[in-house]
PDB file of N, CA and C in Angstrom:
ATOM      1  N   MET A   1      -6.624  22.575  -1.916  1.00  0.00           N
ATOM      2  CA  MET A   1      -7.519  22.751  -3.052  1.00  0.00           C
ATOM      3  C   MET A   1      -7.823  21.385  -3.674  1.00  0.00           C
ATOM      4  N   LYS A   2      -9.037  21.228  -4.133  1.00  0.00           N
ATOM      5  CA  LYS A   2      -9.468  19.954  -4.703  1.00  0.00           C
ATOM      6  C   LYS A   2      -8.805  19.703  -6.059  1.00  0.00           C
ATOM      7  N   GLU A   3      -8.530  18.428  -6.315  1.00  0.00           N
ATOM      8  CA  GLU A   3      -7.953  18.029  -7.597  1.00  0.00           C
ATOM      9  C   GLU A   3      -8.926  18.380  -8.719  1.00  0.00           C
ATOM     10  N   GLN A   4      -8.432  19.052  -9.761  1.00  0.00           N
ATOM     11  CA  GLN A   4      -9.281  19.532 -10.842  1.00  0.00           C
ATOM     12  C   GLN A   4      -9.456  18.513 -11.972  1.00  0.00           C
ATOM     13  N   ARG A   5      -8.589  17.504 -12.010  1.00  0.00           N
ATOM     14  CA  ARG A   5      -8.656  16.549 -13.113  1.00  0.00           C
ATOM     15  C   ARG A   5      -9.792  15.550 -12.909  1.00  0.00           C
ATOM     16  N   LYS A   6     -10.417  15.151 -14.017  1.00  0.00           N
ATOM     17  CA  LYS A   6     -11.518  14.196 -13.957  1.00  0.00           C
ATOM     18  C   LYS A   6     -10.990  12.800 -13.675  1.00  0.00           C
ATOM     19  N   ARG A   7     -11.789  12.021 -12.954  1.00  0.00           N
ATOM     20  CA  ARG A   7     -11.479  10.624 -12.656  1.00  0.00           C
ATOM     21  C   ARG A   7     -12.659   9.768 -13.110  1.00  0.00           C
ATOM     22  N   LEU A   8     -12.351   8.647 -13.757  1.00  0.00           N
ATOM     23  CA  LEU A   8     -13.375   7.724 -14.222  1.00  0.00           C
ATOM     24  C   LEU A   8     -12.991   6.308 -13.816  1.00  0.00           C
ATOM     25  N   VAL A   9     -13.996   5.452 -13.664  1.00  0.00           N
ATOM     26  CA  VAL A   9     -13.765   4.049 -13.344  1.00  0.00           C
ATOM     27  C   VAL A   9     -14.338   3.211 -14.474  1.00  0.00           C
ATOM     28  N   GLY A  10     -13.529   2.263 -14.971  1.00  0.00           N
ATOM     29  CA  GLY A  10     -13.989   1.425 -16.069  1.00  0.00           C
ATOM     30  C   GLY A  10     -13.236   0.112 -16.124  1.00  0.00           C
ATOM     31  N   THR A  11     -13.628  -0.723 -17.077  1.00  0.00           N
ATOM     32  CA  THR A  11     -13.056  -2.055 -17.252  1.00  0.00           C
ATOM     33  C   THR A  11     -12.106  -2.054 -18.441  1.00  0.00           C
ATOM     34  N   ILE A  12     -10.971  -2.704 -18.281  1.00  0.00           N
ATOM     35  CA  ILE A  12     -10.010  -2.810 -19.382  1.00  0.00           C
ATOM     36  C   ILE A  12     -10.530  -3.838 -20.387  1.00  0.00           C
ATOM     37  N   VAL A  13     -10.662  -3.406 -21.637  1.00  0.00           N
ATOM     38  CA  VAL A  13     -11.148  -4.308 -22.682  1.00  0.00           C
ATOM     39  C   VAL A  13     -10.029  -4.756 -23.611  1.00  0.00           C
ATOM     40  N   SER A  14      -8.871  -4.069 -23.567  1.00  0.00           N
ATOM     41  CA  SER A  14      -7.734  -4.477 -24.386  1.00  0.00           C
ATOM     42  C   SER A  14      -6.439  -4.027 -23.720  1.00  0.00           C
ATOM     43  N   ASP A  15      -5.445  -4.935 -23.738  1.00  0.00           N
ATOM     44  CA  ASP A  15      -4.117  -4.589 -23.232  1.00  0.00           C
ATOM     45  C   ASP A  15      -3.038  -5.035 -24.218  1.00  0.00           C
ATOM     46  N   LYS A  16      -3.375  -5.068 -25.491  1.00  0.00           N
ATOM     47  CA  LYS A  16      -2.473  -5.584 -26.513  1.00  0.00           C
ATOM     48  C   LYS A  16      -1.364  -4.606 -26.890  1.00  0.00           C
ATOM     49  N   MET A  17      -1.587  -3.305 -26.670  1.00  0.00           N
ATOM     50  CA  MET A  17      -0.582  -2.306 -27.017  1.00  0.00           C
ATOM     51  C   MET A  17       0.456  -2.182 -25.905  1.00  0.00           C
ATOM     52  N   ASP A  18       1.627  -1.684 -26.263  1.00  0.00           N
ATOM     53  CA  ASP A  18       2.690  -1.490 -25.286  1.00  0.00           C
ATOM     54  C   ASP A  18       2.447  -0.201 -24.511  1.00  0.00           C
ATOM     55  N   LYS A  19       2.390  -0.302 -23.189  1.00  0.00           N
ATOM     56  CA  LYS A  19       2.184   0.823 -22.273  1.00  0.00           C
ATOM     57  C   LYS A  19       0.845   1.532 -22.465  1.00  0.00           C
ATOM     58  N   THR A  20      -0.126   0.856 -23.072  1.00  0.00           N
ATOM     59  CA  THR A  20      -1.443   1.436 -23.299  1.00  0.00           C
ATOM     60  C   THR A  20      -2.513   0.394 -23.038  1.00  0.00           C
ATOM     61  N   VAL A  21      -3.593   0.809 -22.375  1.00  0.00           N
ATOM     62  CA  VAL A  21      -4.758  -0.050 -22.199  1.00  0.00           C
ATOM     63  C   VAL A  21      -5.982   0.713 -22.691  1.00  0.00           C
ATOM     64  N   VAL A  22      -6.972  -0.037 -23.150  1.00  0.00           N
ATOM     65  CA  VAL A  22      -8.237   0.559 -23.570  1.00  0.00           C
ATOM     66  C   VAL A  22      -9.246   0.290 -22.458  1.00  0.00           C
ATOM     67  N   VAL A  23      -9.814   1.367 -21.914  1.00  0.00           N
ATOM     68  CA  VAL A  23     -10.732   1.266 -20.789  1.00  0.00           C
ATOM     69  C   VAL A  23     -12.133   1.652 -21.250  1.00  0.00           C
ATOM     70  N   ALA A  24     -13.107   0.767 -21.021  1.00  0.00           N
ATOM     71  CA  ALA A  24     -14.504   1.040 -21.362  1.00  0.00           C
ATOM     72  C   ALA A  24     -15.211   1.555 -20.116  1.00  0.00           C
ATOM     73  N   VAL A  25     -15.729   2.781 -20.208  1.00  0.00           N
ATOM     74  CA  VAL A  25     -16.427   3.411 -19.090  1.00  0.00           C
ATOM     75  C   VAL A  25     -17.912   3.436 -19.414  1.00  0.00           C
ATOM     76  N   THR A  26     -18.716   2.861 -18.523  1.00  0.00           N
ATOM     77  CA  THR A  26     -20.168   2.795 -18.716  1.00  0.00           C
ATOM     78  C   THR A  26     -20.840   3.851 -17.860  1.00  0.00           C
ATOM     79  N   THR A  27     -21.683   4.677 -18.498  1.00  0.00           N
ATOM     80  CA  THR A  27     -22.467   5.667 -17.770  1.00  0.00           C
ATOM     81  C   THR A  27     -23.944   5.433 -18.060  1.00  0.00           C
ATOM     82  N   VAL A  28     -24.777   5.836 -17.130  1.00  0.00           N
ATOM     83  CA  VAL A  28     -26.224   5.672 -17.284  1.00  0.00           C
ATOM     84  C   VAL A  28     -26.829   7.044 -17.547  1.00  0.00           C
ATOM     85  N   LYS A  29     -27.549   7.142 -18.665  1.00  0.00           N
ATOM     86  CA  LYS A  29     -28.182   8.407 -19.035  1.00  0.00           C
ATOM     87  C   LYS A  29     -29.645   8.162 -19.393  1.00  0.00           C
ATOM     88  N   ARG A  30     -30.415   9.212 -19.324  1.00  0.00           N
ATOM     89  CA  ARG A  30     -31.820   9.140 -19.691  1.00  0.00           C
ATOM     90  C   ARG A  30     -31.995   9.720 -21.092  1.00  0.00           C
ATOM     91  N   HIS A  31     -32.750   9.031 -21.945  1.00  0.00           N
ATOM     92  CA  HIS A  31     -32.999   9.505 -23.301  1.00  0.00           C
ATOM     93  C   HIS A  31     -33.760  10.832 -23.228  1.00  0.00           C
ATOM     94  N   PRO A  32     -33.312  11.845 -23.992  1.00  0.00           N
ATOM     95  CA  PRO A  32     -33.919  13.172 -23.857  1.00  0.00           C
ATOM     96  C   PRO A  32     -35.394  13.257 -24.257  1.00  0.00           C
ATOM     97  N   LEU A  33     -35.825  12.445 -25.225  1.00  0.00           N
ATOM     98  CA  LEU A  33     -37.215  12.521 -25.668  1.00  0.00           C
ATOM     99  C   LEU A  33     -38.092  11.463 -25.000  1.00  0.00           C
ATOM    100  N   TYR A  34     -37.639  10.223 -24.971  1.00  0.00           N
ATOM    101  CA  TYR A  34     -38.484   9.126 -24.516  1.00  0.00           C
ATOM    102  C   TYR A  34     -38.343   8.808 -23.031  1.00  0.00           C
ATOM    103  N   GLY A  35     -37.284   9.286 -22.403  1.00  0.00           N
ATOM    104  CA  GLY A  35     -37.137   9.094 -20.975  1.00  0.00           C
ATOM    105  C   GLY A  35     -36.608   7.741 -20.545  1.00  0.00           C
ATOM    106  N   LYS A  36     -36.312   6.865 -21.502  1.00  0.00           N
ATOM    107  CA  LYS A  36     -35.807   5.543 -21.153  1.00  0.00           C
ATOM    108  C   LYS A  36     -34.366   5.658 -20.642  1.00  0.00           C
ATOM    109  N   VAL A  37     -34.039   4.842 -19.642  1.00  0.00           N
ATOM    110  CA  VAL A  37     -32.685   4.824 -19.105  1.00  0.00           C
ATOM    111  C   VAL A  37     -31.814   3.960 -20.016  1.00  0.00           C
ATOM    112  N   VAL A  38     -30.697   4.537 -20.479  1.00  0.00           N
ATOM    113  CA  VAL A  38     -29.833   3.874 -21.449  1.00  0.00           C
ATOM    114  C   VAL A  38     -28.403   3.847 -20.910  1.00  0.00           C
ATOM    115  N   GLN A  39     -27.718   2.717 -21.085  1.00  0.00           N
ATOM    116  CA  GLN A  39     -26.307   2.634 -20.735  1.00  0.00           C
ATOM    117  C   GLN A  39     -25.479   3.054 -21.941  1.00  0.00           C
ATOM    118  N   VAL A  40     -24.545   3.976 -21.720  1.00  0.00           N
ATOM    119  CA  VAL A  40     -23.669   4.459 -22.773  1.00  0.00           C
ATOM    120  C   VAL A  40     -22.250   4.028 -22.432  1.00  0.00           C
ATOM    121  N   VAL A  41     -21.579   3.364 -23.384  1.00  0.00           N
ATOM    122  CA  VAL A  41     -20.215   2.900 -23.169  1.00  0.00           C
ATOM    123  C   VAL A  41     -19.280   3.724 -24.040  1.00  0.00           C
ATOM    124  N   LYS A  42     -18.244   4.303 -23.415  1.00  0.00           N
ATOM    125  CA  LYS A  42     -17.237   5.054 -24.147  1.00  0.00           C
ATOM    126  C   LYS A  42     -15.873   4.475 -23.825  1.00  0.00           C
ATOM    127  N   LYS A  43     -15.017   4.358 -24.836  1.00  0.00           N
ATOM    128  CA  LYS A  43     -13.694   3.768 -24.652  1.00  0.00           C
ATOM    129  C   LYS A  43     -12.637   4.871 -24.625  1.00  0.00           C
ATOM    130  N   TYR A  44     -11.715   4.739 -23.676  1.00  0.00           N
ATOM    131  CA  TYR A  44     -10.605   5.679 -23.534  1.00  0.00           C
ATOM    132  C   TYR A  44      -9.301   4.900 -23.596  1.00  0.00           C
ATOM    133  N   LYS A  45      -8.298   5.460 -24.284  1.00  0.00           N
ATOM    134  CA  LYS A  45      -6.958   4.887 -24.249  1.00  0.00           C
ATOM    135  C   LYS A  45      -6.223   5.532 -23.093  1.00  0.00           C
ATOM    136  N   ALA A  46      -5.669   4.706 -22.211  1.00  0.00           N
ATOM    137  CA  ALA A  46      -5.000   5.201 -21.012  1.00  0.00           C
ATOM    138  C   ALA A  46      -3.580   4.671 -20.932  1.00  0.00           C
ATOM    139  N   HIS A  47      -2.701   5.477 -20.348  1.00  0.00           N
ATOM    140  CA  HIS A  47      -1.290   5.136 -20.230  1.00  0.00           C
ATOM    141  C   HIS A  47      -1.067   4.192 -19.049  1.00  0.00           C
ATOM    142  N   ASP A  48      -0.358   3.096 -19.308  1.00  0.00           N
ATOM    143  CA  ASP A  48       0.001   2.111 -18.281  1.00  0.00           C
ATOM    144  C   ASP A  48       1.505   1.867 -18.400  1.00  0.00           C
ATOM    145  N   GLU A  49       2.284   2.627 -17.654  1.00  0.00           N
ATOM    146  CA  GLU A  49       3.744   2.638 -17.799  1.00  0.00           C
ATOM    147  C   GLU A  49       4.379   1.265 -17.628  1.00  0.00           C
ATOM    148  N   ALA A  50       3.952   0.503 -16.642  1.00  0.00           N
ATOM    149  CA  ALA A  50       4.614  -0.771 -16.323  1.00  0.00           C
ATOM    150  C   ALA A  50       3.932  -1.987 -16.949  1.00  0.00           C
ATOM    151  N   ASN A  51       2.910  -1.790 -17.750  1.00  0.00           N
ATOM    152  CA  ASN A  51       2.150  -2.898 -18.343  1.00  0.00           C
ATOM    153  C   ASN A  51       1.669  -3.873 -17.266  1.00  0.00           C
ATOM    154  N   GLN A  52       1.204  -3.362 -16.137  1.00  0.00           N
ATOM    155  CA  GLN A  52       0.821  -4.221 -15.017  1.00  0.00           C
ATOM    156  C   GLN A  52      -0.656  -4.561 -14.986  1.00  0.00           C
ATOM    157  N   TYR A  53      -1.484  -3.861 -15.728  1.00  0.00           N
ATOM    158  CA  TYR A  53      -2.923  -4.110 -15.710  1.00  0.00           C
ATOM    159  C   TYR A  53      -3.300  -4.995 -16.887  1.00  0.00           C
ATOM    160  N   LYS A  54      -4.214  -5.939 -16.630  1.00  0.00           N
ATOM    161  CA  LYS A  54      -4.600  -6.915 -17.641  1.00  0.00           C
ATOM    162  C   LYS A  54      -6.072  -6.749 -18.013  1.00  0.00           C
ATOM    163  N   GLU A  55      -6.459  -7.399 -19.085  1.00  0.00           N
ATOM    164  CA  GLU A  55      -7.825  -7.345 -19.578  1.00  0.00           C
ATOM    165  C   GLU A  55      -8.797  -7.871 -18.523  1.00  0.00           C
ATOM    166  N   GLY A  56      -9.877  -7.131 -18.291  1.00  0.00           N
ATOM    167  CA  GLY A  56     -10.875  -7.531 -17.311  1.00  0.00           C
ATOM    168  C   GLY A  56     -10.744  -6.819 -15.980  1.00  0.00           C
ATOM    169  N   ASP A  57      -9.607  -6.159 -15.729  1.00  0.00           N
ATOM    170  CA  ASP A  57      -9.416  -5.427 -14.476  1.00  0.00           C
ATOM    171  C   ASP A  57     -10.315  -4.197 -14.438  1.00  0.00           C
ATOM    172  N   LEU A  58     -10.824  -3.886 -13.259  1.00  0.00           N
ATOM    173  CA  LEU A  58     -11.576  -2.653 -13.035  1.00  0.00           C
ATOM    174  C   LEU A  58     -10.580  -1.621 -12.521  1.00  0.00           C
ATOM    175  N   VAL A  59     -10.389  -0.532 -13.275  1.00  0.00           N
ATOM    176  CA  VAL A  59      -9.348   0.445 -12.941  1.00  0.00           C
ATOM    177  C   VAL A  59      -9.924   1.853 -12.869  1.00  0.00           C
ATOM    178  N   GLU A  60      -9.172   2.727 -12.210  1.00  0.00           N
ATOM    179  CA  GLU A  60      -9.513   4.149 -12.156  1.00  0.00           C
ATOM    180  C   GLU A  60      -8.522   4.889 -13.041  1.00  0.00           C
ATOM    181  N   ILE A  61      -9.039   5.765 -13.912  1.00  0.00           N
ATOM    182  CA  ILE A  61      -8.183   6.553 -14.790  1.00  0.00           C
ATOM    183  C   ILE A  61      -8.367   8.029 -14.477  1.00  0.00           C
ATOM    184  N   ILE A  62      -7.345   8.821 -14.785  1.00  0.00           N
ATOM    185  CA  ILE A  62      -7.355  10.244 -14.494  1.00  0.00           C
ATOM    186  C   ILE A  62      -6.880  10.996 -15.736  1.00  0.00           C
ATOM    187  N   GLU A  63      -7.400  12.202 -15.919  1.00  0.00           N
ATOM    188  CA  GLU A  63      -6.974  13.042 -17.031  1.00  0.00           C
ATOM    189  C   GLU A  63      -5.491  13.369 -16.896  1.00  0.00           C
ATOM    190  N   SER A  64      -4.789  13.435 -18.027  1.00  0.00           N
ATOM    191  CA  SER A  64      -3.384  13.816 -18.006  1.00  0.00           C
ATOM    192  C   SER A  64      -3.087  14.658 -19.240  1.00  0.00           C
ATOM    193  N   GLN A  65      -1.864  15.148 -19.305  1.00  0.00           N
ATOM    194  CA  GLN A  65      -1.477  15.889 -20.498  1.00  0.00           C
ATOM    195  C   GLN A  65      -1.427  14.916 -21.669  1.00  0.00           C
ATOM    196  N   PRO A  66      -1.570  15.383 -22.909  1.00  0.00           N
ATOM    197  CA  PRO A  66      -1.531  14.476 -24.053  1.00  0.00           C
ATOM    198  C   PRO A  66      -0.213  13.701 -24.123  1.00  0.00           C
ATOM    199  N   ILE A  67      -0.323  12.379 -24.182  1.00  0.00           N
ATOM    200  CA  ILE A  67       0.854  11.520 -24.240  1.00  0.00           C
ATOM    201  C   ILE A  67       1.134  11.123 -25.683  1.00  0.00           C
ATOM    202  N   SER A  68       0.079  10.909 -26.457  1.00  0.00           N
ATOM    203  CA  SER A  68       0.209  10.616 -27.880  1.00  0.00           C
ATOM    204  C   SER A  68      -1.040  11.166 -28.569  1.00  0.00           C
ATOM    205  N   ARG A  69      -1.257  10.754 -29.798  1.00  0.00           N
ATOM    206  CA  ARG A  69      -2.379  11.299 -30.559  1.00  0.00           C
ATOM    207  C   ARG A  69      -3.729  11.030 -29.895  1.00  0.00           C
ATOM    208  N   HIS A  70      -3.905   9.850 -29.330  1.00  0.00           N
ATOM    209  CA  HIS A  70      -5.197   9.481 -28.746  1.00  0.00           C
ATOM    210  C   HIS A  70      -5.183   9.336 -27.229  1.00  0.00           C
ATOM    211  N   LYS A  71      -4.006   9.304 -26.622  1.00  0.00           N
ATOM    212  CA  LYS A  71      -3.913   9.079 -25.172  1.00  0.00           C
ATOM    213  C   LYS A  71      -3.920  10.394 -24.408  1.00  0.00           C
ATOM    214  N   ARG A  72      -4.977  10.598 -23.593  1.00  0.00           N
ATOM    215  CA  ARG A  72      -5.073  11.763 -22.722  1.00  0.00           C
ATOM    216  C   ARG A  72      -5.448  11.358 -21.298  1.00  0.00           C
ATOM    217  N   TRP A  73      -5.344  10.068 -20.993  1.00  0.00           N
ATOM    218  CA  TRP A  73      -5.696   9.532 -19.684  1.00  0.00           C
ATOM    219  C   TRP A  73      -4.573   8.636 -19.196  1.00  0.00           C
ATOM    220  N   ALA A  74      -4.484   8.464 -17.881  1.00  0.00           N
ATOM    221  CA  ALA A  74      -3.485   7.585 -17.279  1.00  0.00           C
ATOM    222  C   ALA A  74      -4.166   6.736 -16.209  1.00  0.00           C
ATOM    223  N   VAL A  75      -3.728   5.487 -16.085  1.00  0.00           N
ATOM    224  CA  VAL A  75      -4.289   4.591 -15.076  1.00  0.00           C
ATOM    225  C   VAL A  75      -3.690   4.959 -13.719  1.00  0.00           C
ATOM    226  N   VAL A  76      -4.568   5.151 -12.720  1.00  0.00           N
ATOM    227  CA  VAL A  76      -4.120   5.504 -11.367  1.00  0.00           C
ATOM    228  C   VAL A  76      -3.943   4.251 -10.527  1.00  0.00           C
ATOM    229  N   ALA A  77      -4.988   3.425 -10.449  1.00  0.00           N
ATOM    230  CA  ALA A  77      -4.932   2.244  -9.592  1.00  0.00           C
ATOM    231  C   ALA A  77      -5.981   1.236 -10.034  1.00  0.00           C
ATOM    232  N   ALA A  78      -5.775  -0.005  -9.612  1.00  0.00           N
ATOM    233  CA  ALA A  78      -6.756  -1.055  -9.873  1.00  0.00           C
ATOM    234  C   ALA A  78      -7.763  -1.070  -8.743  1.00  0.00           C
ATOM    235  N   VAL A  79      -9.035  -1.007  -9.102  1.00  0.00           N
ATOM    236  CA  VAL A  79     -10.102  -1.088  -8.124  1.00  0.00           C
ATOM    237  C   VAL A  79     -10.361  -2.549  -7.790  1.00  0.00           C
ATOM    238  N   GLN A  80     -10.326  -3.406  -8.823  1.00  0.00           N
ATOM    239  CA  GLN A  80     -10.579  -4.838  -8.650  1.00  0.00           C
ATOM    240  C   GLN A  80      -9.825  -5.606  -9.714  1.00  0.00           C
ATOM    241  N   GLN A  81      -9.154  -6.673  -9.316  1.00  0.00           N
ATOM    242  CA  GLN A  81      -8.423  -7.509 -10.271  1.00  0.00           C
ATOM    243  C   GLN A  81      -9.391  -8.454 -10.974  1.00  0.00           C
ATOM    244  N   ALA A  82      -9.049  -8.839 -12.193  1.00  0.00           N
ATOM    245  CA  ALA A  82      -9.906  -9.744 -12.967  1.00  0.00           C
ATOM    246  C   ALA A  82      -9.833 -11.153 -12.418  1.00  0.00           C
TER     247      ALA A  82
END
């Protein structure tokens, strides 16, 4: 059976917290009225157990059970190092 959890790819914009990174995910959407293509950036706090990922890394994150008040994602792997 296929994995049901969502996966996103984004860039780490902050690694200042302990065991947490902030990942900015950019998606491309079309404006509903004017039709212009717009980039939308959303930030997710993701769990990084070993503090191994640094700012600027391109990483893949996956949905997880709530870890804290704002953390509902976990880093799976680095797609590209900074």
